[in-house]
Amino acid sequence: MKKLFSFLSAGVLAASAVPSLAYAESTDVQSEIFAQIEANPDFNGDGAVNILDSQSMLDYYADYTAHPEKYSDEEKAAVCEKYDYTGDGVVDARDVSQLFVYLKEVILPAYDFTGDNVTNYRDAFLLSEYYAAEESSDFTSISANPDYSESAKEKIIAYGDINADGEIDARDSSLILHSLEVLICNGDVNCDGALDSRDASMILSFYANSSEKETALYTANEYACLCKGDYNADGKIDSRDSSAILRAYADNATE
């Protein structure tokens, strides 16, 4: 219990830990929620805002759902005061989904070290090359990388310490890859640890209905699809993602 609620007494998040970036145009409701997230985005209290916060929130939600008797009214109120982003009186899947959207739209773009307007494996590789060069004091190899430039170096220095442990190292590049897997094209939209027909069905339903709804009216499941449904990474969430997941599920089942 003490470990689960350690984030409640954690220090205030350092301003430099959250990239100052403009996020995509959204509804007034979404903008208000984003503003609330920006006030308290660091769920696990480690001084950094990254995918680990959403995982901690998921862990809390799962444990609270399974064992509500473990949590006193005071503890629940303390969590809700900071992290009930949707204002419905409980920290649940809707809040997790909102944090996913925030991480994807606001935090992840800060790790576009290559300057190509997309965060992908090239950025993780460039970060790896940078800390290797720093460690050996030999920048010969990285200087030959066309992705490397003075602006790339400045951005790595500013935002490369993703886990805010005071060092830019392998753990940071791993966090980029992990964030990409979870936020961009993971496909496990129901967060049950398996890629299967249930995910494909949720994505197909989302694709069929999303054009008829405003973002502010999405359910938690629909937000999960919005965050993690682009399985084939083509920039769209549609029937092709659902089909690709079913193929991957069938392939895994026959192995």
Protein backbone atom coordinates (compact mmCIF):
# COMPACT_ATOMS: atom_id res chain seq x y z
CA MET A 1 0.00 0.00 0.00
CA LYS A 2 2.80 2.43 0.91
CA LYS A 3 4.56 1.74 -2.38
CA LEU A 4 1.38 2.20 -4.39
CA PHE A 5 0.75 5.60 -2.90
CA SER A 6 4.37 6.78 -2.75
CA PHE A 7 3.67 9.10 -5.65
CA LEU A 8 1.31 11.15 -3.49
CA SER A 9 4.19 12.52 -1.41
CA ALA A 10 6.66 12.82 -4.29
CA GLY A 11 8.30 16.14 -5.05
CA VAL A 12 6.89 18.60 -7.55
CA LEU A 13 7.70 17.70 -11.14
CA ALA A 14 10.66 19.64 -12.49
CA ALA A 15 9.57 22.04 -15.22
CA SER A 16 12.28 20.81 -17.58
CA ALA A 17 10.91 17.27 -17.41
CA VAL A 18 7.82 18.18 -19.44
CA PRO A 19 8.54 19.38 -22.98
CA SER A 20 6.91 22.70 -23.80
CA LEU A 21 5.17 21.68 -27.01
CA ALA A 22 1.91 22.67 -28.68
CA TYR A 23 -0.51 19.77 -29.03
CA ALA A 24 -2.98 19.07 -31.79
CA GLU A 25 -6.16 21.11 -32.16
CA SER A 26 -8.91 19.47 -30.10
CA THR A 27 -12.34 20.07 -28.62
CA ASP A 28 -12.80 22.46 -25.70
CA VAL A 29 -13.39 19.49 -23.41
CA GLN A 30 -10.19 17.80 -24.57
CA SER A 31 -8.25 21.05 -24.10
CA GLU A 32 -9.53 21.34 -20.53
CA ILE A 33 -8.54 17.75 -19.80
CA PHE A 34 -5.09 18.32 -21.28
CA ALA A 35 -4.69 21.39 -19.06
CA GLN A 36 -5.59 19.29 -16.03
CA ILE A 37 -3.12 16.57 -17.05
CA GLU A 38 -0.38 19.17 -17.46
CA ALA A 39 -0.95 20.23 -13.85
CA ASN A 40 -0.42 16.65 -12.59
CA PRO A 41 1.02 14.34 -15.28
CA ASP A 42 3.58 12.43 -13.18
CA PHE A 43 1.46 9.62 -11.72
CA ASN A 44 4.31 7.49 -10.33
CA GLY A 45 6.12 10.49 -8.82
CA ASP A 46 9.54 9.78 -10.32
CA GLY A 47 10.02 13.30 -11.68
CA ALA A 48 9.51 12.32 -15.33
CA VAL A 49 6.47 12.15 -17.59
CA ASN A 50 6.54 9.10 -19.83
CA ILE A 51 4.89 5.78 -20.58
CA LEU A 52 5.71 4.50 -17.08
CA ASP A 53 3.08 6.88 -15.66
CA SER A 54 0.30 5.35 -17.74
CA GLN A 55 1.43 1.87 -16.70
CA SER A 56 1.38 2.88 -13.03
CA MET A 57 -2.10 4.30 -13.48
CA LEU A 58 -3.24 1.08 -15.15
CA ASP A 59 -1.80 -0.92 -12.24
CA TYR A 60 -3.64 1.29 -9.75
CA TYR A 61 -6.90 1.03 -11.69
CA ALA A 62 -6.63 -2.77 -11.98
CA ASP A 63 -5.82 -3.19 -8.28
CA TYR A 64 -8.53 -0.77 -7.17
CA THR A 65 -11.10 -2.55 -9.36
CA ALA A 66 -10.13 -5.98 -8.01
CA HIS A 67 -9.67 -4.95 -4.36
CA PRO A 68 -11.64 -1.76 -3.57
CA GLU A 69 -11.65 -2.66 0.11
CA LYS A 70 -7.89 -2.02 0.29
CA TYR A 71 -8.32 1.71 -0.27
CA SER A 72 -9.62 4.14 2.32
CA ASP A 73 -11.79 7.08 1.37
CA GLU A 74 -8.87 9.40 2.19
CA GLU A 75 -6.52 7.52 -0.15
CA LYS A 76 -9.03 7.48 -2.99
CA ALA A 77 -9.72 11.18 -2.52
CA ALA A 78 -6.01 11.99 -2.58
CA VAL A 79 -5.56 10.16 -5.89
CA CYS A 80 -8.68 11.65 -7.42
CA GLU A 81 -7.69 15.18 -6.45
CA LYS A 82 -4.66 14.99 -8.74
CA TYR A 83 -5.38 12.33 -11.34
CA ASP A 84 -9.12 12.23 -11.97
CA TYR A 85 -8.61 14.00 -15.28
CA THR A 86 -12.16 13.43 -16.50
CA GLY A 87 -13.77 14.67 -13.27
CA ASP A 88 -16.07 11.68 -12.74
CA GLY A 89 -14.97 11.04 -9.15
CA VAL A 90 -12.69 8.05 -9.77
CA VAL A 91 -9.35 7.31 -11.42
CA ASP A 92 -10.27 4.72 -14.03
CA ALA A 93 -9.78 3.60 -17.62
CA ARG A 94 -11.03 6.92 -18.99
CA ASP A 95 -8.26 8.78 -17.16
CA VAL A 96 -5.66 6.27 -18.36
CA SER A 97 -6.89 6.75 -21.91
CA GLN A 98 -6.66 10.53 -21.60
CA LEU A 99 -3.09 10.24 -20.35
CA PHE A 100 -2.31 7.98 -23.34
CA VAL A 101 -3.58 10.69 -25.69
CA TYR A 102 -1.52 13.34 -23.87
CA LEU A 103 1.65 11.26 -24.01
CA LYS A 104 1.16 10.56 -27.70
CA GLU A 105 0.32 14.11 -28.75
CA VAL A 106 2.45 16.18 -26.37
CA ILE A 107 5.33 14.17 -24.92
CA LEU A 108 6.30 11.74 -27.69
CA PRO A 109 6.98 14.48 -30.31
CA ALA A 110 9.71 15.89 -28.05
CA TYR A 111 11.78 12.81 -28.87
CA ASP A 112 11.93 13.59 -32.58
CA PHE A 113 15.68 14.10 -32.40
CA THR A 114 16.21 13.58 -36.14
CA GLY A 115 13.93 16.49 -37.04
CA ASP A 116 11.82 14.56 -39.57
CA ASN A 117 8.54 15.40 -37.76
CA VAL A 118 7.98 11.83 -36.60
CA THR A 119 9.23 9.92 -33.57
CA ASN A 120 10.39 6.42 -34.50
CA TYR A 121 13.23 3.90 -34.16
CA ARG A 122 15.66 6.33 -35.86
CA ASP A 123 15.35 8.67 -32.89
CA ALA A 124 16.01 5.84 -30.43
CA PHE A 125 19.05 4.79 -32.48
CA LEU A 126 20.40 8.35 -32.63
CA LEU A 127 20.01 8.67 -28.87
CA SER A 128 21.90 5.38 -28.43
CA GLU A 129 24.70 6.62 -30.67
CA TYR A 130 24.89 9.87 -28.75
CA TYR A 131 25.29 8.33 -25.30
CA ALA A 132 27.84 5.86 -26.71
CA ALA A 133 29.84 8.78 -28.16
CA GLU A 134 29.58 10.69 -24.89
CA GLU A 135 30.78 7.69 -22.93
CA SER A 136 33.80 7.09 -25.18
CA SER A 137 34.42 10.78 -25.96
CA ASP A 138 34.59 9.75 -29.61
CA PHE A 139 32.03 11.42 -31.88
CA THR A 140 33.56 10.09 -35.12
CA SER A 141 30.87 7.49 -35.75
CA ILE A 142 27.86 9.62 -34.88
CA SER A 143 29.20 12.55 -36.93
CA ALA A 144 28.85 10.34 -40.01
CA ASN A 145 25.16 9.76 -39.27
CA PRO A 146 23.09 12.05 -41.54
CA ASP A 147 20.48 12.35 -38.77
CA TYR A 148 23.00 13.98 -36.44
CA SER A 149 23.34 17.76 -36.36
CA GLU A 150 23.84 20.57 -33.87
CA SER A 151 20.08 20.97 -33.56
CA ALA A 152 19.73 17.22 -32.96
CA LYS A 153 22.42 17.43 -30.27
CA GLU A 154 20.67 20.37 -28.60
CA LYS A 155 17.37 18.51 -28.54
CA ILE A 156 19.00 15.35 -27.17
CA ILE A 157 20.63 17.36 -24.39
CA ALA A 158 17.30 19.07 -23.61
CA TYR A 159 14.99 16.05 -23.77
CA GLY A 160 17.16 12.93 -23.97
CA ASP A 161 17.04 12.12 -20.25
CA ILE A 162 13.58 10.64 -20.63
CA ASN A 163 13.43 8.87 -17.27
CA ALA A 164 14.90 11.93 -15.46
CA ASP A 165 17.64 9.98 -13.68
CA GLY A 166 20.33 12.54 -14.50
CA GLU A 167 21.89 10.53 -17.33
CA ILE A 168 21.27 9.99 -21.03
CA ASP A 169 21.79 6.29 -21.56
CA ALA A 170 20.36 3.00 -22.86
CA ARG A 171 17.39 3.19 -20.52
CA ASP A 172 16.22 6.35 -22.26
CA SER A 173 16.39 4.92 -25.78
CA SER A 174 14.58 1.82 -24.53
CA LEU A 175 11.81 4.04 -23.17
CA ILE A 176 11.36 5.59 -26.62
CA LEU A 177 10.98 2.16 -28.21
CA HIS A 178 8.62 1.04 -25.45
CA SER A 179 6.55 4.22 -25.83
CA LEU A 180 6.30 3.69 -29.57
CA GLU A 181 5.16 0.11 -29.03
CA VAL A 182 2.49 1.08 -26.53
CA LEU A 183 1.30 4.42 -27.89
CA ILE A 184 1.57 4.04 -31.64
CA CYS A 185 1.07 0.56 -33.08
CA ASN A 186 0.83 -1.95 -30.29
CA GLY A 187 -2.68 -3.12 -31.18
CA ASP A 188 -3.47 -4.46 -27.70
CA VAL A 189 -6.29 -1.96 -27.28
CA ASN A 190 -7.97 -3.70 -24.36
CA CYS A 191 -4.65 -3.85 -22.47
CA ASP A 192 -5.00 -7.52 -21.52
CA GLY A 193 -1.50 -8.46 -22.65
CA ALA A 194 -2.65 -10.42 -25.70
CA LEU A 195 -3.09 -9.51 -29.36
CA ASP A 196 -6.23 -11.35 -30.44
CA SER A 197 -9.70 -11.20 -31.98
CA ARG A 198 -11.05 -9.05 -29.14
CA ASP A 199 -8.64 -6.26 -30.08
CA ALA A 200 -9.54 -6.64 -33.75
CA SER A 201 -13.25 -6.42 -32.91
CA MET A 202 -12.79 -3.30 -30.79
CA ILE A 203 -10.82 -1.56 -33.54
CA LEU A 204 -13.38 -2.50 -36.18
CA SER A 205 -16.17 -1.12 -34.01
CA PHE A 206 -14.18 2.05 -33.40
CA TYR A 207 -13.58 2.48 -37.13
CA ALA A 208 -17.29 2.05 -37.88
CA ASN A 209 -18.47 4.54 -35.27
CA SER A 210 -15.73 7.11 -34.73
CA SER A 211 -16.67 9.34 -37.67
CA GLU A 212 -20.11 9.86 -36.13
CA LYS A 213 -18.86 11.04 -32.73
CA GLU A 214 -16.92 13.97 -31.34
CA THR A 215 -13.75 13.16 -29.45
CA ALA A 216 -15.26 14.42 -26.20
CA LEU A 217 -17.95 11.73 -26.40
CA TYR A 218 -15.60 8.76 -26.84
CA THR A 219 -15.84 5.91 -24.36
CA ALA A 220 -12.75 4.60 -22.57
CA ASN A 221 -12.55 1.68 -25.02
CA GLU A 222 -12.72 4.06 -27.97
CA TYR A 223 -9.95 6.19 -26.51
CA ALA A 224 -7.85 3.04 -26.13
CA CYS A 225 -8.39 2.33 -29.83
CA LEU A 226 -7.47 5.91 -30.65
CA CYS A 227 -4.20 5.57 -28.74
CA LYS A 228 -3.16 2.05 -29.73
CA GLY A 229 -5.25 0.99 -32.71
CA ASP A 230 -2.91 1.91 -35.58
CA TYR A 231 -1.39 -1.57 -35.68
CA ASN A 232 0.02 -1.30 -39.20
CA ALA A 233 1.43 2.19 -38.46
CA ASP A 234 -0.01 3.81 -41.59
CA GLY A 235 -1.42 6.80 -39.73
CA LYS A 236 -5.03 5.53 -39.86
CA ILE A 237 -7.19 3.36 -37.63
CA ASP A 238 -9.36 1.28 -39.91
CA SER A 239 -10.34 -2.22 -41.03
CA ARG A 240 -6.81 -2.89 -42.26
CA ASP A 241 -5.53 -2.70 -38.68
CA SER A 242 -8.21 -5.14 -37.58
CA SER A 243 -7.32 -7.54 -40.40
CA ALA A 244 -3.60 -7.28 -39.65
CA ILE A 245 -4.21 -8.12 -36.01
CA LEU A 246 -6.30 -11.16 -36.95
CA ARG A 247 -3.51 -12.36 -39.26
CA ALA A 248 -0.93 -11.89 -36.53
CA TYR A 249 -3.19 -13.72 -34.07
CA ALA A 250 -3.65 -16.62 -36.48
CA ASP A 251 0.08 -16.81 -37.17
CA ASN A 252 0.88 -16.84 -33.46
CA ALA A 253 -1.75 -19.52 -32.81
CA THR A 254 -0.23 -21.89 -35.38
CA GLU A 255 3.36 -21.53 -34.17
